[in-house]
Structures are given as structure tokens and as C-alpha cells.
């Protein structure tokens, strides 16, 4: 699966998928399908590239096409605010830990 921002427009998602796919080879086209599952159909210049791309993202390759399922990327801003909240809740009186110490406490991945 490839993680994308599902709130983005189809055009923006296609651009992102094309950019990630170009790491494997030349991208001919990208099409997004939202029903019944969110999928990207990626047409590559060579069949080897399509199969490498499908393998990289756990999809399927058919001739020069790769079919990859898309999923929502985790919002880092929400994760960081949640981690800061958790750190604040765990602090004891006199504890001098700063927000920057979240990583050492395991609050942020």
C-alpha cells in the first residue's frame, strides 16, 4: 500500500503517486479509482518497472501496469500534539522534562 493524503484532489494524489513511481522508472500515466477501494493504476514505460513498482508497494503488475492500493497517511501534526498531551499528562510535580524529550520517552515514533 502507498500512503497518501486522501483529502487531496485526485489530481494531487496522481501527481504524488507519479512522483513516487518515478523512483522505479518512467511513468506514462496514473489514474486514481475510488470505488470500491482506493486504487492507483500506474502505467510504466516497461513491464519490468511496473512489476518492480507493484512489488515495492504490495500491489499487482499486469504488463506495463501496476495496481497499488492507497491508504490514508497518518497526520503528523495530530500525532505530535497527541504526544505532547501525553507527556503533559505523565509529568509529575518538579519534573523538568521538556517537549523535546518526547522521543526519549517513547511518545513519538
C-alpha atoms as a PDB file:
ATOM      1  CA  UNK A   1       0.000   0.000   0.000  1.00  0.00           C
ATOM      2  CA  UNK A   2       1.036   3.525  -0.662  1.00  0.00           C
ATOM      3  CA  UNK A   3       0.142   6.164   1.910  1.00  0.00           C
ATOM      4  CA  UNK A   4      -1.384   9.387   0.572  1.00  0.00           C
ATOM      5  CA  UNK A   5      -3.492  12.271   1.861  1.00  0.00           C
ATOM      6  CA  UNK A   6      -6.994  11.124   0.922  1.00  0.00           C
ATOM      7  CA  UNK A   7      -8.329  14.653   1.454  1.00  0.00           C
ATOM      8  CA  UNK A   8      -6.289  15.821  -1.541  1.00  0.00           C
ATOM      9  CA  UNK A   9      -7.838  16.078  -5.002  1.00  0.00           C
ATOM     10  CA  UNK A  10      -7.457  13.184  -7.413  1.00  0.00           C
ATOM     11  CA  UNK A  11      -5.062  15.334  -9.451  1.00  0.00           C
ATOM     12  CA  UNK A  12      -2.835  15.947  -6.400  1.00  0.00           C
ATOM     13  CA  UNK A  13      -2.880  12.255  -5.499  1.00  0.00           C
ATOM     14  CA  UNK A  14      -2.000  11.347  -9.097  1.00  0.00           C
ATOM     15  CA  UNK A  15       0.932  13.777  -9.004  1.00  0.00           C
ATOM     16  CA  UNK A  16       2.180  12.314  -5.711  1.00  0.00           C
ATOM     17  CA  UNK A  17       1.844   8.725  -6.969  1.00  0.00           C
ATOM     18  CA  UNK A  18       3.635   9.647 -10.204  1.00  0.00           C
ATOM     19  CA  UNK A  19       6.469  11.214  -8.220  1.00  0.00           C
ATOM     20  CA  UNK A  20       6.881   8.114  -6.011  1.00  0.00           C
ATOM     21  CA  UNK A  21       6.574   5.807  -9.033  1.00  0.00           C
ATOM     22  CA  UNK A  22       9.264   7.689 -10.938  1.00  0.00           C
ATOM     23  CA  UNK A  23      11.780   6.316  -8.409  1.00  0.00           C
ATOM     24  CA  UNK A  24      11.400   2.988 -10.256  1.00  0.00           C
ATOM     25  CA  UNK A  25      11.264   4.246 -13.842  1.00  0.00           C
ATOM     26  CA  UNK A  26       9.458   6.389 -16.383  1.00  0.00           C
ATOM     27  CA  UNK A  27       5.767   6.893 -15.627  1.00  0.00           C
ATOM     28  CA  UNK A  28       3.397   7.060 -18.597  1.00  0.00           C
ATOM     29  CA  UNK A  29       0.202   7.792 -16.678  1.00  0.00           C
ATOM     30  CA  UNK A  30      -1.518   7.498 -13.307  1.00  0.00           C
ATOM     31  CA  UNK A  31      -5.251   7.032 -12.754  1.00  0.00           C
ATOM     32  CA  UNK A  32      -6.989   7.076  -9.396  1.00  0.00           C
ATOM     33  CA  UNK A  33     -10.083   4.949  -8.755  1.00  0.00           C
ATOM     34  CA  UNK A  34     -12.029   5.499  -5.522  1.00  0.00           C
ATOM     35  CA  UNK A  35     -14.604   2.722  -5.742  1.00  0.00           C
ATOM     36  CA  UNK A  36     -14.903   0.127  -4.262  1.00  0.00           C
ATOM     37  CA  UNK A  37     -11.337   0.595  -2.930  1.00  0.00           C
ATOM     38  CA  UNK A  38      -8.942   3.444  -3.446  1.00  0.00           C
ATOM     39  CA  UNK A  39      -6.540   2.253  -6.131  1.00  0.00           C
ATOM     40  CA  UNK A  40      -3.854   3.755  -8.312  1.00  0.00           C
ATOM     41  CA  UNK A  41      -3.434   2.365 -11.816  1.00  0.00           C
ATOM     42  CA  UNK A  42       0.078   3.252 -12.893  1.00  0.00           C
ATOM     43  CA  UNK A  43       1.266   2.776 -16.470  1.00  0.00           C
ATOM     44  CA  UNK A  44       5.045   2.471 -16.649  1.00  0.00           C
ATOM     45  CA  UNK A  45       7.326   2.577 -19.687  1.00  0.00           C
ATOM     46  CA  UNK A  46       8.487  -1.026 -19.243  1.00  0.00           C
ATOM     47  CA  UNK A  47       6.830  -4.109 -17.798  1.00  0.00           C
ATOM     48  CA  UNK A  48       9.831  -4.732 -15.501  1.00  0.00           C
ATOM     49  CA  UNK A  49       9.283  -1.308 -13.925  1.00  0.00           C
ATOM     50  CA  UNK A  50       5.579  -1.989 -13.405  1.00  0.00           C
ATOM     51  CA  UNK A  51       6.303  -5.280 -11.660  1.00  0.00           C
ATOM     52  CA  UNK A  52       9.041  -3.707  -9.502  1.00  0.00           C
ATOM     53  CA  UNK A  53       6.644  -0.921  -8.514  1.00  0.00           C
ATOM     54  CA  UNK A  54       3.864  -3.409  -7.699  1.00  0.00           C
ATOM     55  CA  UNK A  55       6.289  -5.447  -5.612  1.00  0.00           C
ATOM     56  CA  UNK A  56       7.526  -2.375  -3.745  1.00  0.00           C
ATOM     57  CA  UNK A  57       4.006  -1.331  -2.675  1.00  0.00           C
ATOM     58  CA  UNK A  58       2.375  -4.748  -2.331  1.00  0.00           C
ATOM     59  CA  UNK A  59       0.281  -4.409  -5.470  1.00  0.00           C
ATOM     60  CA  UNK A  60      -0.095  -6.363  -8.687  1.00  0.00           C
ATOM     61  CA  UNK A  61       1.593  -5.994 -12.048  1.00  0.00           C
ATOM     62  CA  UNK A  62      -0.041  -6.640 -15.415  1.00  0.00           C
ATOM     63  CA  UNK A  63       2.078  -5.998 -18.496  1.00  0.00           C
ATOM     64  CA  UNK A  64       3.187  -2.348 -18.083  1.00  0.00           C
ATOM     65  CA  UNK A  65       0.523  -1.574 -15.465  1.00  0.00           C
ATOM     66  CA  UNK A  66       0.911  -1.624 -11.690  1.00  0.00           C
ATOM     67  CA  UNK A  67      -2.169  -1.632  -9.475  1.00  0.00           C
ATOM     68  CA  UNK A  68      -1.483  -0.294  -5.991  1.00  0.00           C
ATOM     69  CA  UNK A  69      -3.922   0.188  -3.140  1.00  0.00           C
ATOM     70  CA  UNK A  70      -3.837   3.594  -1.422  1.00  0.00           C
ATOM     71  CA  UNK A  71      -4.394   4.354   2.258  1.00  0.00           C
ATOM     72  CA  UNK A  72      -4.584   7.484   4.399  1.00  0.00           C
ATOM     73  CA  UNK A  73      -1.250   8.797   5.614  1.00  0.00           C
ATOM     74  CA  UNK A  74      -1.113   9.456   9.344  1.00  0.00           C
ATOM     75  CA  UNK A  75      -1.327  13.175  10.147  1.00  0.00           C
ATOM     76  CA  UNK A  76       1.971  14.057  11.837  1.00  0.00           C
ATOM     77  CA  UNK A  77       0.642  17.292  13.325  1.00  0.00           C
ATOM     78  CA  UNK A  78      -2.095  15.406  15.170  1.00  0.00           C
ATOM     79  CA  UNK A  79       0.410  12.777  16.304  1.00  0.00           C
ATOM     80  CA  UNK A  80       2.783  15.389  17.700  1.00  0.00           C
ATOM     81  CA  UNK A  81       0.039  17.259  19.558  1.00  0.00           C
ATOM     82  CA  UNK A  82      -1.213  13.937  20.955  1.00  0.00           C
ATOM     83  CA  UNK A  83       2.332  13.046  22.081  1.00  0.00           C
ATOM     84  CA  UNK A  84       2.744  16.455  23.735  1.00  0.00           C
ATOM     85  CA  UNK A  85      -0.579  15.970  25.537  1.00  0.00           C
ATOM     86  CA  UNK A  86       0.515  12.510  26.733  1.00  0.00           C
ATOM     87  CA  UNK A  87       3.813  13.901  28.004  1.00  0.00           C
ATOM     88  CA  UNK A  88       1.989  16.669  29.862  1.00  0.00           C
ATOM     89  CA  UNK A  89      -0.344  14.108  31.479  1.00  0.00           C
ATOM     90  CA  UNK A  90       2.600  11.953  32.653  1.00  0.00           C
ATOM     91  CA  UNK A  91       4.609  14.811  34.174  1.00  0.00           C
ATOM     92  CA  UNK A  92       4.952  14.848  37.908  1.00  0.00           C
ATOM     93  CA  UNK A  93       5.429  17.984  40.053  1.00  0.00           C
ATOM     94  CA  UNK A  94       9.062  19.026  39.828  1.00  0.00           C
ATOM     95  CA  UNK A  95       9.608  17.097  36.576  1.00  0.00           C
ATOM     96  CA  UNK A  96      11.790  19.255  34.326  1.00  0.00           C
ATOM     97  CA  UNK A  97      11.333  17.304  31.082  1.00  0.00           C
ATOM     98  CA  UNK A  98      10.784  19.469  28.070  1.00  0.00           C
ATOM     99  CA  UNK A  99       8.713  18.761  24.979  1.00  0.00           C
ATOM    100  CA  UNK A 100      11.918  17.841  23.139  1.00  0.00           C
ATOM    101  CA  UNK A 101      12.274  14.843  25.449  1.00  0.00           C
ATOM    102  CA  UNK A 102       9.240  13.107  23.872  1.00  0.00           C
ATOM    103  CA  UNK A 103      11.434  10.864  21.718  1.00  0.00           C
ATOM    104  CA  UNK A 104      13.442   9.562  24.657  1.00  0.00           C
ATOM    105  CA  UNK A 105      10.197   8.770  26.491  1.00  0.00           C
ATOM    106  CA  UNK A 106       8.771   6.770  23.584  1.00  0.00           C
ATOM    107  CA  UNK A 107       5.893   9.198  22.991  1.00  0.00           C
ATOM    108  CA  UNK A 108       6.823   9.890  19.374  1.00  0.00           C
ATOM    109  CA  UNK A 109       7.745   7.221  16.836  1.00  0.00           C
END
